[in-house]
Amino acid sequence: MSDEFDNELDQIMADTTAKAEPMPSGTPAAAALIQFIERVERLEEEKAGLMEDIRSVYGEAKGAGFDPKIMRAIVRLRKMEPSDRQEQEALIETYKAAVGMG
């Protein structure tokens, strides 16, 4: 973990500790909190697995002669709303022209 993350976590813990009242274990609220945390942990594990699968697909594509960097750019573009994508492309063309690239 990064120092920035550690510092942020320390600050959150300090803020929370100073304000929070202890939650007795075995209460319905404590049980609900545990369930939420466990769900998040399971989802984080699934996310890690999915990220590995995505890296594997990009690796396969690279082996087939495709450029993963360009594929990632296309995936980002496909996620955008058409009007946002058109606006971005127009700005890129404007900037390219301004710096003598187009």
N, C-alpha and C. Protein backbone atom coordinates (compact mmCIF):
# COMPACT_ATOMS: atom_id res chain seq x y z
N MET A 1 0.84 -1.18 0.00
CA MET A 1 0.00 0.00 0.00
C MET A 1 0.88 1.24 0.00
N SER A 2 0.35 2.30 -0.55
CA SER A 2 1.12 3.52 -0.64
C SER A 2 1.09 4.28 0.68
N ASP A 3 2.09 5.13 0.86
CA ASP A 3 2.12 5.97 2.06
C ASP A 3 0.92 6.88 2.11
N GLU A 4 0.51 7.39 0.92
CA GLU A 4 -0.65 8.28 0.86
C GLU A 4 -1.90 7.55 1.37
N PHE A 5 -2.07 6.32 0.93
CA PHE A 5 -3.23 5.53 1.37
C PHE A 5 -3.15 5.28 2.87
N ASP A 6 -1.96 4.92 3.35
CA ASP A 6 -1.79 4.68 4.79
C ASP A 6 -2.12 5.92 5.60
N ASN A 7 -1.65 7.08 5.13
CA ASN A 7 -1.93 8.33 5.83
C ASN A 7 -3.43 8.63 5.85
N GLU A 8 -4.07 8.40 4.70
CA GLU A 8 -5.51 8.64 4.61
C GLU A 8 -6.27 7.69 5.53
N LEU A 9 -5.85 6.43 5.55
CA LEU A 9 -6.50 5.44 6.42
C LEU A 9 -6.30 5.82 7.89
N ASP A 10 -5.08 6.25 8.24
CA ASP A 10 -4.82 6.68 9.62
C ASP A 10 -5.74 7.84 10.00
N GLN A 11 -5.91 8.79 9.07
CA GLN A 11 -6.77 9.95 9.35
C GLN A 11 -8.22 9.52 9.54
N ILE A 12 -8.68 8.63 8.68
CA ILE A 12 -10.06 8.13 8.79
C ILE A 12 -10.24 7.41 10.12
N MET A 13 -9.28 6.59 10.47
CA MET A 13 -9.38 5.84 11.73
C MET A 13 -9.37 6.80 12.91
N ALA A 14 -8.53 7.83 12.86
CA ALA A 14 -8.47 8.80 13.95
C ALA A 14 -9.79 9.55 14.07
N ASP A 15 -10.34 9.97 12.93
CA ASP A 15 -11.61 10.68 12.94
C ASP A 15 -12.73 9.79 13.46
N THR A 16 -12.75 8.55 12.99
CA THR A 16 -13.81 7.61 13.37
C THR A 16 -13.70 7.23 14.84
N THR A 17 -12.50 6.99 15.30
CA THR A 17 -12.30 6.57 16.68
C THR A 17 -12.74 7.66 17.64
N ALA A 18 -12.45 8.89 17.29
CA ALA A 18 -12.79 9.99 18.19
C ALA A 18 -14.30 10.19 18.29
N LYS A 19 -15.05 9.86 17.24
CA LYS A 19 -16.48 10.15 17.20
C LYS A 19 -17.35 8.94 17.48
N ALA A 20 -16.87 7.76 17.18
CA ALA A 20 -17.71 6.57 17.22
C ALA A 20 -17.88 6.05 18.64
N GLU A 21 -19.06 5.52 18.85
CA GLU A 21 -19.30 4.83 20.10
C GLU A 21 -19.13 3.34 19.82
N PRO A 22 -18.66 2.60 20.77
CA PRO A 22 -18.43 1.17 20.53
C PRO A 22 -19.73 0.46 20.17
N MET A 23 -19.61 -0.46 19.22
CA MET A 23 -20.77 -1.25 18.80
C MET A 23 -20.59 -2.63 19.44
N PRO A 24 -21.47 -2.99 20.33
CA PRO A 24 -21.32 -4.29 20.98
C PRO A 24 -21.44 -5.42 19.96
N SER A 25 -20.53 -6.38 20.06
CA SER A 25 -20.64 -7.53 19.15
C SER A 25 -21.86 -8.34 19.53
N GLY A 26 -22.39 -9.05 18.56
CA GLY A 26 -23.57 -9.87 18.79
C GLY A 26 -24.88 -9.13 18.61
N THR A 27 -24.82 -7.83 18.33
CA THR A 27 -26.04 -7.06 18.11
C THR A 27 -26.44 -7.18 16.65
N PRO A 28 -27.69 -6.89 16.33
CA PRO A 28 -28.11 -6.91 14.93
C PRO A 28 -27.28 -5.95 14.06
N ALA A 29 -26.93 -4.80 14.59
CA ALA A 29 -26.13 -3.84 13.82
C ALA A 29 -24.74 -4.40 13.53
N ALA A 30 -24.14 -5.04 14.51
CA ALA A 30 -22.82 -5.64 14.30
C ALA A 30 -22.90 -6.76 13.28
N ALA A 31 -23.94 -7.57 13.35
CA ALA A 31 -24.12 -8.66 12.38
C ALA A 31 -24.30 -8.10 10.97
N ALA A 32 -25.07 -7.03 10.84
CA ALA A 32 -25.28 -6.41 9.53
C ALA A 32 -23.96 -5.86 8.99
N LEU A 33 -23.19 -5.22 9.86
CA LEU A 33 -21.90 -4.67 9.45
C LEU A 33 -20.98 -5.77 8.95
N ILE A 34 -20.92 -6.87 9.66
CA ILE A 34 -20.09 -8.01 9.25
C ILE A 34 -20.54 -8.52 7.89
N GLN A 35 -21.84 -8.63 7.67
CA GLN A 35 -22.35 -9.10 6.38
C GLN A 35 -21.94 -8.16 5.25
N PHE A 36 -22.06 -6.85 5.47
CA PHE A 36 -21.66 -5.89 4.44
C PHE A 36 -20.16 -6.03 4.14
N ILE A 37 -19.37 -6.12 5.18
CA ILE A 37 -17.92 -6.22 4.98
C ILE A 37 -17.58 -7.50 4.23
N GLU A 38 -18.19 -8.60 4.60
CA GLU A 38 -17.92 -9.87 3.92
C GLU A 38 -18.35 -9.83 2.46
N ARG A 39 -19.47 -9.17 2.18
CA ARG A 39 -19.91 -9.03 0.78
C ARG A 39 -18.89 -8.23 -0.02
N VAL A 40 -18.41 -7.14 0.56
CA VAL A 40 -17.41 -6.32 -0.14
C VAL A 40 -16.15 -7.14 -0.38
N GLU A 41 -15.72 -7.90 0.62
CA GLU A 41 -14.52 -8.73 0.46
C GLU A 41 -14.70 -9.75 -0.66
N ARG A 42 -15.86 -10.38 -0.72
CA ARG A 42 -16.12 -11.35 -1.80
C ARG A 42 -16.10 -10.67 -3.17
N LEU A 43 -16.71 -9.48 -3.24
CA LEU A 43 -16.73 -8.75 -4.50
C LEU A 43 -15.32 -8.32 -4.91
N GLU A 44 -14.50 -7.94 -3.94
CA GLU A 44 -13.10 -7.58 -4.24
C GLU A 44 -12.35 -8.78 -4.80
N GLU A 45 -12.60 -9.97 -4.25
CA GLU A 45 -11.97 -11.19 -4.78
C GLU A 45 -12.43 -11.46 -6.21
N GLU A 46 -13.73 -11.30 -6.44
CA GLU A 46 -14.27 -11.51 -7.80
C GLU A 46 -13.67 -10.50 -8.76
N LYS A 47 -13.55 -9.25 -8.31
CA LYS A 47 -12.99 -8.21 -9.15
C LYS A 47 -11.55 -8.54 -9.53
N ALA A 48 -10.78 -9.04 -8.57
CA ALA A 48 -9.39 -9.42 -8.86
C ALA A 48 -9.35 -10.52 -9.91
N GLY A 49 -10.25 -11.49 -9.78
CA GLY A 49 -10.32 -12.56 -10.77
C GLY A 49 -10.69 -12.05 -12.15
N LEU A 50 -11.65 -11.12 -12.19
CA LEU A 50 -12.07 -10.55 -13.48
C LEU A 50 -10.94 -9.74 -14.11
N MET A 51 -10.21 -9.00 -13.29
CA MET A 51 -9.10 -8.22 -13.82
C MET A 51 -8.04 -9.14 -14.43
N GLU A 52 -7.79 -10.26 -13.79
CA GLU A 52 -6.84 -11.23 -14.33
C GLU A 52 -7.37 -11.80 -15.65
N ASP A 53 -8.66 -12.07 -15.73
CA ASP A 53 -9.26 -12.56 -16.97
C ASP A 53 -9.11 -11.54 -18.09
N ILE A 54 -9.32 -10.27 -17.77
CA ILE A 54 -9.20 -9.20 -18.77
C ILE A 54 -7.75 -9.12 -19.26
N ARG A 55 -6.79 -9.18 -18.33
CA ARG A 55 -5.37 -9.16 -18.74
C ARG A 55 -5.07 -10.33 -19.66
N SER A 56 -5.65 -11.47 -19.36
CA SER A 56 -5.43 -12.66 -20.18
C SER A 56 -5.98 -12.46 -21.59
N VAL A 57 -7.16 -11.86 -21.71
CA VAL A 57 -7.75 -11.60 -23.03
C VAL A 57 -6.86 -10.66 -23.83
N TYR A 58 -6.37 -9.59 -23.17
CA TYR A 58 -5.47 -8.67 -23.87
C TYR A 58 -4.19 -9.39 -24.29
N GLY A 59 -3.71 -10.31 -23.46
CA GLY A 59 -2.52 -11.09 -23.83
C GLY A 59 -2.78 -11.97 -25.04
N GLU A 60 -3.95 -12.59 -25.07
CA GLU A 60 -4.32 -13.42 -26.23
C GLU A 60 -4.40 -12.56 -27.49
N ALA A 61 -5.01 -11.39 -27.35
CA ALA A 61 -5.15 -10.50 -28.50
C ALA A 61 -3.78 -10.07 -29.01
N LYS A 62 -2.87 -9.78 -28.07
CA LYS A 62 -1.51 -9.38 -28.47
C LYS A 62 -0.84 -10.52 -29.22
N GLY A 63 -1.03 -11.74 -28.73
CA GLY A 63 -0.47 -12.90 -29.41
C GLY A 63 -1.04 -13.10 -30.80
N ALA A 64 -2.25 -12.59 -31.03
CA ALA A 64 -2.89 -12.69 -32.35
C ALA A 64 -2.54 -11.50 -33.24
N GLY A 65 -1.67 -10.60 -32.73
CA GLY A 65 -1.22 -9.49 -33.55
C GLY A 65 -1.92 -8.16 -33.31
N PHE A 66 -2.79 -8.10 -32.33
CA PHE A 66 -3.49 -6.85 -32.03
C PHE A 66 -2.74 -6.06 -30.97
N ASP A 67 -2.92 -4.75 -30.96
CA ASP A 67 -2.25 -3.87 -30.02
C ASP A 67 -3.16 -3.63 -28.81
N PRO A 68 -2.80 -4.17 -27.65
CA PRO A 68 -3.65 -4.01 -26.47
C PRO A 68 -3.87 -2.55 -26.06
N LYS A 69 -2.88 -1.71 -26.25
CA LYS A 69 -3.03 -0.30 -25.90
C LYS A 69 -4.16 0.34 -26.72
N ILE A 70 -4.19 0.05 -28.01
CA ILE A 70 -5.23 0.58 -28.88
C ILE A 70 -6.58 -0.05 -28.53
N MET A 71 -6.57 -1.34 -28.21
CA MET A 71 -7.82 -2.00 -27.83
C MET A 71 -8.41 -1.35 -26.58
N ARG A 72 -7.56 -1.03 -25.61
CA ARG A 72 -8.04 -0.37 -24.38
C ARG A 72 -8.66 0.98 -24.72
N ALA A 73 -8.04 1.71 -25.64
CA ALA A 73 -8.58 3.01 -26.05
C ALA A 73 -9.95 2.82 -26.69
N ILE A 74 -10.09 1.80 -27.52
CA ILE A 74 -11.38 1.54 -28.17
C ILE A 74 -12.44 1.17 -27.13
N VAL A 75 -12.06 0.36 -26.15
CA VAL A 75 -13.01 -0.02 -25.09
C VAL A 75 -13.48 1.23 -24.35
N ARG A 76 -12.54 2.14 -24.02
CA ARG A 76 -12.92 3.39 -23.35
C ARG A 76 -13.87 4.21 -24.22
N LEU A 77 -13.57 4.30 -25.51
CA LEU A 77 -14.43 5.07 -26.42
C LEU A 77 -15.82 4.45 -26.52
N ARG A 78 -15.89 3.14 -26.56
CA ARG A 78 -17.20 2.48 -26.69
C ARG A 78 -18.06 2.67 -25.45
N LYS A 79 -17.43 2.91 -24.30
CA LYS A 79 -18.18 3.14 -23.06
C LYS A 79 -18.81 4.53 -23.04
N MET A 80 -18.28 5.44 -23.83
CA MET A 80 -18.73 6.83 -23.81
C MET A 80 -20.04 6.99 -24.58
N GLU A 81 -20.80 7.99 -24.17
CA GLU A 81 -21.98 8.38 -24.94
C GLU A 81 -21.49 8.93 -26.28
N PRO A 82 -22.24 8.68 -27.37
CA PRO A 82 -21.80 9.16 -28.68
C PRO A 82 -21.51 10.67 -28.72
N SER A 83 -22.34 11.46 -28.07
CA SER A 83 -22.11 12.92 -28.09
C SER A 83 -20.83 13.29 -27.35
N ASP A 84 -20.54 12.61 -26.25
CA ASP A 84 -19.30 12.86 -25.51
C ASP A 84 -18.08 12.44 -26.34
N ARG A 85 -18.21 11.30 -27.02
CA ARG A 85 -17.12 10.81 -27.85
C ARG A 85 -16.85 11.78 -29.00
N GLN A 86 -17.91 12.27 -29.65
CA GLN A 86 -17.75 13.22 -30.74
C GLN A 86 -17.10 14.51 -30.25
N GLU A 87 -17.51 14.98 -29.08
CA GLU A 87 -16.93 16.19 -28.52
C GLU A 87 -15.44 15.99 -28.24
N GLN A 88 -15.09 14.85 -27.68
CA GLN A 88 -13.68 14.55 -27.39
C GLN A 88 -12.87 14.49 -28.68
N GLU A 89 -13.39 13.79 -29.68
CA GLU A 89 -12.69 13.67 -30.95
C GLU A 89 -12.51 15.04 -31.61
N ALA A 90 -13.52 15.91 -31.52
CA ALA A 90 -13.41 17.25 -32.09
C ALA A 90 -12.34 18.07 -31.37
N LEU A 91 -12.30 17.94 -30.05
CA LEU A 91 -11.28 18.66 -29.29
C LEU A 91 -9.88 18.16 -29.61
N ILE A 92 -9.75 16.86 -29.77
CA ILE A 92 -8.44 16.30 -30.14
C ILE A 92 -8.00 16.86 -31.49
N GLU A 93 -8.90 16.89 -32.46
CA GLU A 93 -8.57 17.43 -33.77
C GLU A 93 -8.19 18.91 -33.68
N THR A 94 -8.92 19.66 -32.85
CA THR A 94 -8.62 21.09 -32.66
C THR A 94 -7.24 21.26 -32.06
N TYR A 95 -6.93 20.49 -31.04
CA TYR A 95 -5.62 20.59 -30.38
C TYR A 95 -4.50 20.14 -31.33
N LYS A 96 -4.75 19.09 -32.09
CA LYS A 96 -3.73 18.63 -33.05
C LYS A 96 -3.44 19.72 -34.07
N ALA A 97 -4.47 20.36 -34.56
CA ALA A 97 -4.28 21.44 -35.53
C ALA A 97 -3.52 22.59 -34.91
N ALA A 98 -3.80 22.89 -33.65
CA ALA A 98 -3.15 24.01 -32.96
C ALA A 98 -1.66 23.77 -32.77
N VAL A 99 -1.25 22.52 -32.65
CA VAL A 99 0.17 22.24 -32.46
C VAL A 99 0.83 21.75 -33.75
N GLY A 100 0.12 21.94 -34.89
CA GLY A 100 0.70 21.61 -36.19
C GLY A 100 0.75 20.15 -36.53
N MET A 101 -0.16 19.39 -35.97
CA MET A 101 -0.18 17.94 -36.26
C MET A 101 -1.28 17.53 -37.21
N GLY A 102 -2.04 18.47 -37.69
CA GLY A 102 -3.12 17.95 -38.49
C GLY A 102 -3.76 18.93 -39.37
